[in-house]
Amino acid sequence: MPYELNALIATDELITVVAAELPIARITRLPHGLAMVPMTDALHDALQQPSNAPDYDFKRFPSGFARRIAGWSKAAPIAFAEIDAEHPTGRRAALWYDGHITLGPLTPADGAPLARILHALDIPATALPDVTAALDAHRTAPPEA
């Protein structure tokens, strides 16, 4: 069965702030001080706003969401990643910091997007297997087309 993960990833502290602003957001703690908020259908719909802001070619990126991520990134780096079974190293990922994208959006053609984003979040290479295994545990089957 195909699987995918669409999520915000940042330090546990920043994700706690994000979830406080988005009551329907679910926090998932990850190893090495990281946490994530999966982009569920309900969260996607709640965040959707009419906007001509870029979606960076993500599949599950709500319209107008770039502005919100940019705001959170003024406190600390925050990533949005889409991972699927066809591209287990990351279909697309980007990192925002200090109000704008500082890395990406990356695709598999750029080399393992998820690993590059995690490295930019100060996760050492030796810890990548722990973090990616934790992310794998939270992947879901995509909706039927």
C-alpha atoms as a PDB file:
ATOM      1  CA  MET A   1       0.000   0.000   0.000  1.00  0.00           C
ATOM      2  CA  PRO A   2       1.395   3.439  -0.846  1.00  0.00           C
ATOM      3  CA  TYR A   3       2.046   5.763   2.031  1.00  0.00           C
ATOM      4  CA  GLU A   4       2.844   9.394   2.515  1.00  0.00           C
ATOM      5  CA  LEU A   5       3.657  11.967   5.131  1.00  0.00           C
ATOM      6  CA  ASN A   6       2.980  15.688   4.853  1.00  0.00           C
ATOM      7  CA  ALA A   7       4.126  17.568   7.924  1.00  0.00           C
ATOM      8  CA  LEU A   8       5.683  20.571   9.564  1.00  0.00           C
ATOM      9  CA  ILE A   9       8.924  19.638  11.314  1.00  0.00           C
ATOM     10  CA  ALA A  10      10.800  21.820  13.800  1.00  0.00           C
ATOM     11  CA  THR A  11      12.089  21.878  17.339  1.00  0.00           C
ATOM     12  CA  ASP A  12       9.702  20.643  19.973  1.00  0.00           C
ATOM     13  CA  GLU A  13       9.490  24.183  21.362  1.00  0.00           C
ATOM     14  CA  LEU A  14       8.449  25.748  18.048  1.00  0.00           C
ATOM     15  CA  ILE A  15       5.969  22.983  17.230  1.00  0.00           C
ATOM     16  CA  THR A  16       4.367  23.578  20.638  1.00  0.00           C
ATOM     17  CA  VAL A  17       3.856  27.241  19.631  1.00  0.00           C
ATOM     18  CA  VAL A  18       2.425  26.175  16.252  1.00  0.00           C
ATOM     19  CA  ALA A  19      -0.031  23.774  17.898  1.00  0.00           C
ATOM     20  CA  ALA A  20      -1.117  26.449  20.380  1.00  0.00           C
ATOM     21  CA  GLU A  21      -2.185  28.592  17.400  1.00  0.00           C
ATOM     22  CA  LEU A  22      -3.869  25.668  15.647  1.00  0.00           C
ATOM     23  CA  PRO A  23      -6.062  23.802  18.157  1.00  0.00           C
ATOM     24  CA  ILE A  24      -6.775  20.929  15.739  1.00  0.00           C
ATOM     25  CA  ALA A  25      -3.064  20.309  15.120  1.00  0.00           C
ATOM     26  CA  ARG A  26      -1.659  17.065  16.520  1.00  0.00           C
ATOM     27  CA  ILE A  27       1.883  17.148  17.863  1.00  0.00           C
ATOM     28  CA  THR A  28       4.057  14.100  17.379  1.00  0.00           C
ATOM     29  CA  ARG A  29       7.311  14.097  19.314  1.00  0.00           C
ATOM     30  CA  LEU A  30      10.379  12.910  17.406  1.00  0.00           C
ATOM     31  CA  PRO A  31      13.858  11.994  18.633  1.00  0.00           C
ATOM     32  CA  HIS A  32      16.618  14.544  19.139  1.00  0.00           C
ATOM     33  CA  GLY A  33      14.420  17.443  20.243  1.00  0.00           C
ATOM     34  CA  LEU A  34      12.250  17.574  17.128  1.00  0.00           C
ATOM     35  CA  ALA A  35       8.493  17.347  16.738  1.00  0.00           C
ATOM     36  CA  MET A  36       6.062  17.424  13.854  1.00  0.00           C
ATOM     37  CA  VAL A  37       2.510  18.399  13.027  1.00  0.00           C
ATOM     38  CA  PRO A  38       1.021  16.167  10.323  1.00  0.00           C
ATOM     39  CA  MET A  39      -0.935  18.027   7.643  1.00  0.00           C
ATOM     40  CA  THR A  40      -4.220  16.186   8.106  1.00  0.00           C
ATOM     41  CA  ASP A  41      -7.216  16.869   5.879  1.00  0.00           C
ATOM     42  CA  ALA A  42      -8.897  18.793   8.703  1.00  0.00           C
ATOM     43  CA  LEU A  43      -5.830  20.926   9.353  1.00  0.00           C
ATOM     44  CA  HIS A  44      -5.348  21.554   5.629  1.00  0.00           C
ATOM     45  CA  ASP A  45      -8.952  22.725   5.297  1.00  0.00           C
ATOM     46  CA  ALA A  46      -8.690  24.949   8.399  1.00  0.00           C
ATOM     47  CA  LEU A  47      -5.533  26.629   7.077  1.00  0.00           C
ATOM     48  CA  GLN A  48      -6.781  27.119   3.511  1.00  0.00           C
ATOM     49  CA  GLN A  49      -7.087  30.826   2.666  1.00  0.00           C
ATOM     50  CA  PRO A  50      -7.649  32.510  -0.675  1.00  0.00           C
ATOM     51  CA  SER A  51      -4.215  33.667  -1.724  1.00  0.00           C
ATOM     52  CA  ASN A  52      -1.893  33.998  -4.652  1.00  0.00           C
ATOM     53  CA  ALA A  53       1.065  33.118  -2.395  1.00  0.00           C
ATOM     54  CA  PRO A  54       3.258  30.303  -3.729  1.00  0.00           C
ATOM     55  CA  ASP A  55       2.581  26.671  -2.894  1.00  0.00           C
ATOM     56  CA  TYR A  56       6.095  25.615  -3.996  1.00  0.00           C
ATOM     57  CA  ASP A  57       4.600  22.634  -5.886  1.00  0.00           C
ATOM     58  CA  PHE A  58       3.770  20.768  -2.685  1.00  0.00           C
ATOM     59  CA  LYS A  59       0.734  18.500  -3.004  1.00  0.00           C
ATOM     60  CA  ARG A  60      -0.736  19.238   0.448  1.00  0.00           C
ATOM     61  CA  PHE A  61       0.252  22.864   1.055  1.00  0.00           C
ATOM     62  CA  PRO A  62      -2.744  25.053   1.956  1.00  0.00           C
ATOM     63  CA  SER A  63      -3.222  28.218  -0.039  1.00  0.00           C
ATOM     64  CA  GLY A  64      -1.736  31.144   1.854  1.00  0.00           C
ATOM     65  CA  PHE A  65       0.200  28.864   4.237  1.00  0.00           C
ATOM     66  CA  ALA A  66       3.610  30.240   3.233  1.00  0.00           C
ATOM     67  CA  ARG A  67       2.894  33.453   5.123  1.00  0.00           C
ATOM     68  CA  ARG A  68       2.071  31.577   8.297  1.00  0.00           C
ATOM     69  CA  ILE A  69       5.208  29.413   8.114  1.00  0.00           C
ATOM     70  CA  ALA A  70       7.284  32.525   7.458  1.00  0.00           C
ATOM     71  CA  GLY A  71       5.898  34.043  10.647  1.00  0.00           C
ATOM     72  CA  TRP A  72       6.727  31.000  12.760  1.00  0.00           C
ATOM     73  CA  SER A  73      10.206  30.853  11.223  1.00  0.00           C
ATOM     74  CA  LYS A  74      11.110  34.187  12.778  1.00  0.00           C
ATOM     75  CA  ALA A  75      11.486  32.307  16.076  1.00  0.00           C
ATOM     76  CA  ALA A  76      13.345  29.236  14.749  1.00  0.00           C
ATOM     77  CA  PRO A  77      13.763  27.174  11.569  1.00  0.00           C
ATOM     78  CA  ILE A  78      10.709  25.198  10.463  1.00  0.00           C
ATOM     79  CA  ALA A  79      10.364  22.740   7.606  1.00  0.00           C
ATOM     80  CA  PHE A  80       7.515  21.407   5.537  1.00  0.00           C
ATOM     81  CA  ALA A  81       8.132  17.985   4.028  1.00  0.00           C
ATOM     82  CA  GLU A  82       6.212  15.626   1.780  1.00  0.00           C
ATOM     83  CA  ILE A  83       7.432  12.054   1.742  1.00  0.00           C
ATOM     84  CA  ASP A  84       5.972   9.110  -0.129  1.00  0.00           C
ATOM     85  CA  ALA A  85       6.670   5.477  -0.911  1.00  0.00           C
ATOM     86  CA  GLU A  86       7.937   6.281  -4.391  1.00  0.00           C
ATOM     87  CA  HIS A  87      10.517   8.736  -3.034  1.00  0.00           C
ATOM     88  CA  PRO A  88      11.373   7.576   0.495  1.00  0.00           C
ATOM     89  CA  THR A  89      14.183  10.133   0.769  1.00  0.00           C
ATOM     90  CA  GLY A  90      11.640  12.908   0.310  1.00  0.00           C
ATOM     91  CA  ARG A  91       9.453  14.037  -2.552  1.00  0.00           C
ATOM     92  CA  ARG A  92       9.764  17.712  -1.668  1.00  0.00           C
ATOM     93  CA  ALA A  93      10.941  19.637   1.372  1.00  0.00           C
ATOM     94  CA  ALA A  94      11.691  23.234   2.261  1.00  0.00           C
ATOM     95  CA  LEU A  95      13.058  25.080   5.264  1.00  0.00           C
ATOM     96  CA  TRP A  96      11.998  28.541   6.396  1.00  0.00           C
ATOM     97  CA  TYR A  97      14.020  30.690   8.763  1.00  0.00           C
ATOM     98  CA  ASP A  98      13.879  34.343   9.719  1.00  0.00           C
ATOM     99  CA  GLY A  99      10.749  34.920   7.664  1.00  0.00           C
ATOM    100  CA  HIS A 100      11.679  33.311   4.335  1.00  0.00           C
ATOM    101  CA  ILE A 101      12.710  30.071   2.647  1.00  0.00           C
ATOM    102  CA  THR A 102      16.375  29.411   3.270  1.00  0.00           C
ATOM    103  CA  LEU A 103      16.591  25.928   1.744  1.00  0.00           C
ATOM    104  CA  GLY A 104      14.511  24.489  -1.052  1.00  0.00           C
ATOM    105  CA  PRO A 105      12.049  23.558  -2.085  1.00  0.00           C
ATOM    106  CA  LEU A 106      14.175  20.483  -2.630  1.00  0.00           C
ATOM    107  CA  THR A 107      13.193  17.494  -4.755  1.00  0.00           C
ATOM    108  CA  PRO A 108      14.792  14.054  -5.099  1.00  0.00           C
ATOM    109  CA  ALA A 109      16.785  15.483  -8.017  1.00  0.00           C
ATOM    110  CA  ASP A 110      18.549  17.705  -5.448  1.00  0.00           C
ATOM    111  CA  GLY A 111      19.629  14.678  -3.399  1.00  0.00           C
ATOM    112  CA  ALA A 112      17.744  13.381  -0.338  1.00  0.00           C
ATOM    113  CA  PRO A 113      15.503  16.373   0.533  1.00  0.00           C
ATOM    114  CA  LEU A 114      14.467  15.053   3.942  1.00  0.00           C
ATOM    115  CA  ALA A 115      18.041  14.330   5.012  1.00  0.00           C
ATOM    116  CA  ARG A 116      19.145  17.788   3.866  1.00  0.00           C
ATOM    117  CA  ILE A 117      16.327  19.455   5.774  1.00  0.00           C
ATOM    118  CA  LEU A 118      17.043  17.444   8.926  1.00  0.00           C
ATOM    119  CA  HIS A 119      20.716  18.342   8.655  1.00  0.00           C
ATOM    120  CA  ALA A 120      19.721  22.019   8.385  1.00  0.00           C
ATOM    121  CA  LEU A 121      17.705  21.522  11.592  1.00  0.00           C
ATOM    122  CA  ASP A 122      21.012  20.497  13.242  1.00  0.00           C
ATOM    123  CA  ILE A 123      20.318  16.769  13.269  1.00  0.00           C
ATOM    124  CA  PRO A 124      23.688  14.993  12.892  1.00  0.00           C
ATOM    125  CA  ALA A 125      24.048  12.305  10.229  1.00  0.00           C
ATOM    126  CA  THR A 126      24.378   9.646  12.935  1.00  0.00           C
ATOM    127  CA  ALA A 127      20.899  10.559  14.238  1.00  0.00           C
ATOM    128  CA  LEU A 128      19.136  10.545  10.850  1.00  0.00           C
ATOM    129  CA  PRO A 129      18.095   6.860  11.100  1.00  0.00           C
ATOM    130  CA  ASP A 130      16.349   7.524  14.435  1.00  0.00           C
ATOM    131  CA  VAL A 131      14.450  10.540  13.130  1.00  0.00           C
ATOM    132  CA  THR A 132      13.508   8.996   9.779  1.00  0.00           C
ATOM    133  CA  ALA A 133      12.304   5.818  11.531  1.00  0.00           C
ATOM    134  CA  ALA A 134      10.094   7.962  13.776  1.00  0.00           C
ATOM    135  CA  LEU A 135       8.735   9.787  10.718  1.00  0.00           C
ATOM    136  CA  ASP A 136       8.123   6.449   8.962  1.00  0.00           C
ATOM    137  CA  ALA A 137       5.966   5.357  11.896  1.00  0.00           C
ATOM    138  CA  HIS A 138       3.575   8.222  11.178  1.00  0.00           C
ATOM    139  CA  ARG A 139       3.091   7.844   7.456  1.00  0.00           C
ATOM    140  CA  THR A 140      -0.429   7.184   6.256  1.00  0.00           C
ATOM    141  CA  ALA A 141      -2.088   5.797   3.189  1.00  0.00           C
ATOM    142  CA  PRO A 142      -2.881   8.632   0.777  1.00  0.00           C
ATOM    143  CA  PRO A 143      -6.511   9.279  -0.171  1.00  0.00           C
ATOM    144  CA  GLU A 144      -7.750   7.322  -3.149  1.00  0.00           C
ATOM    145  CA  ALA A 145      -7.721   9.341  -6.352  1.00  0.00           C
END
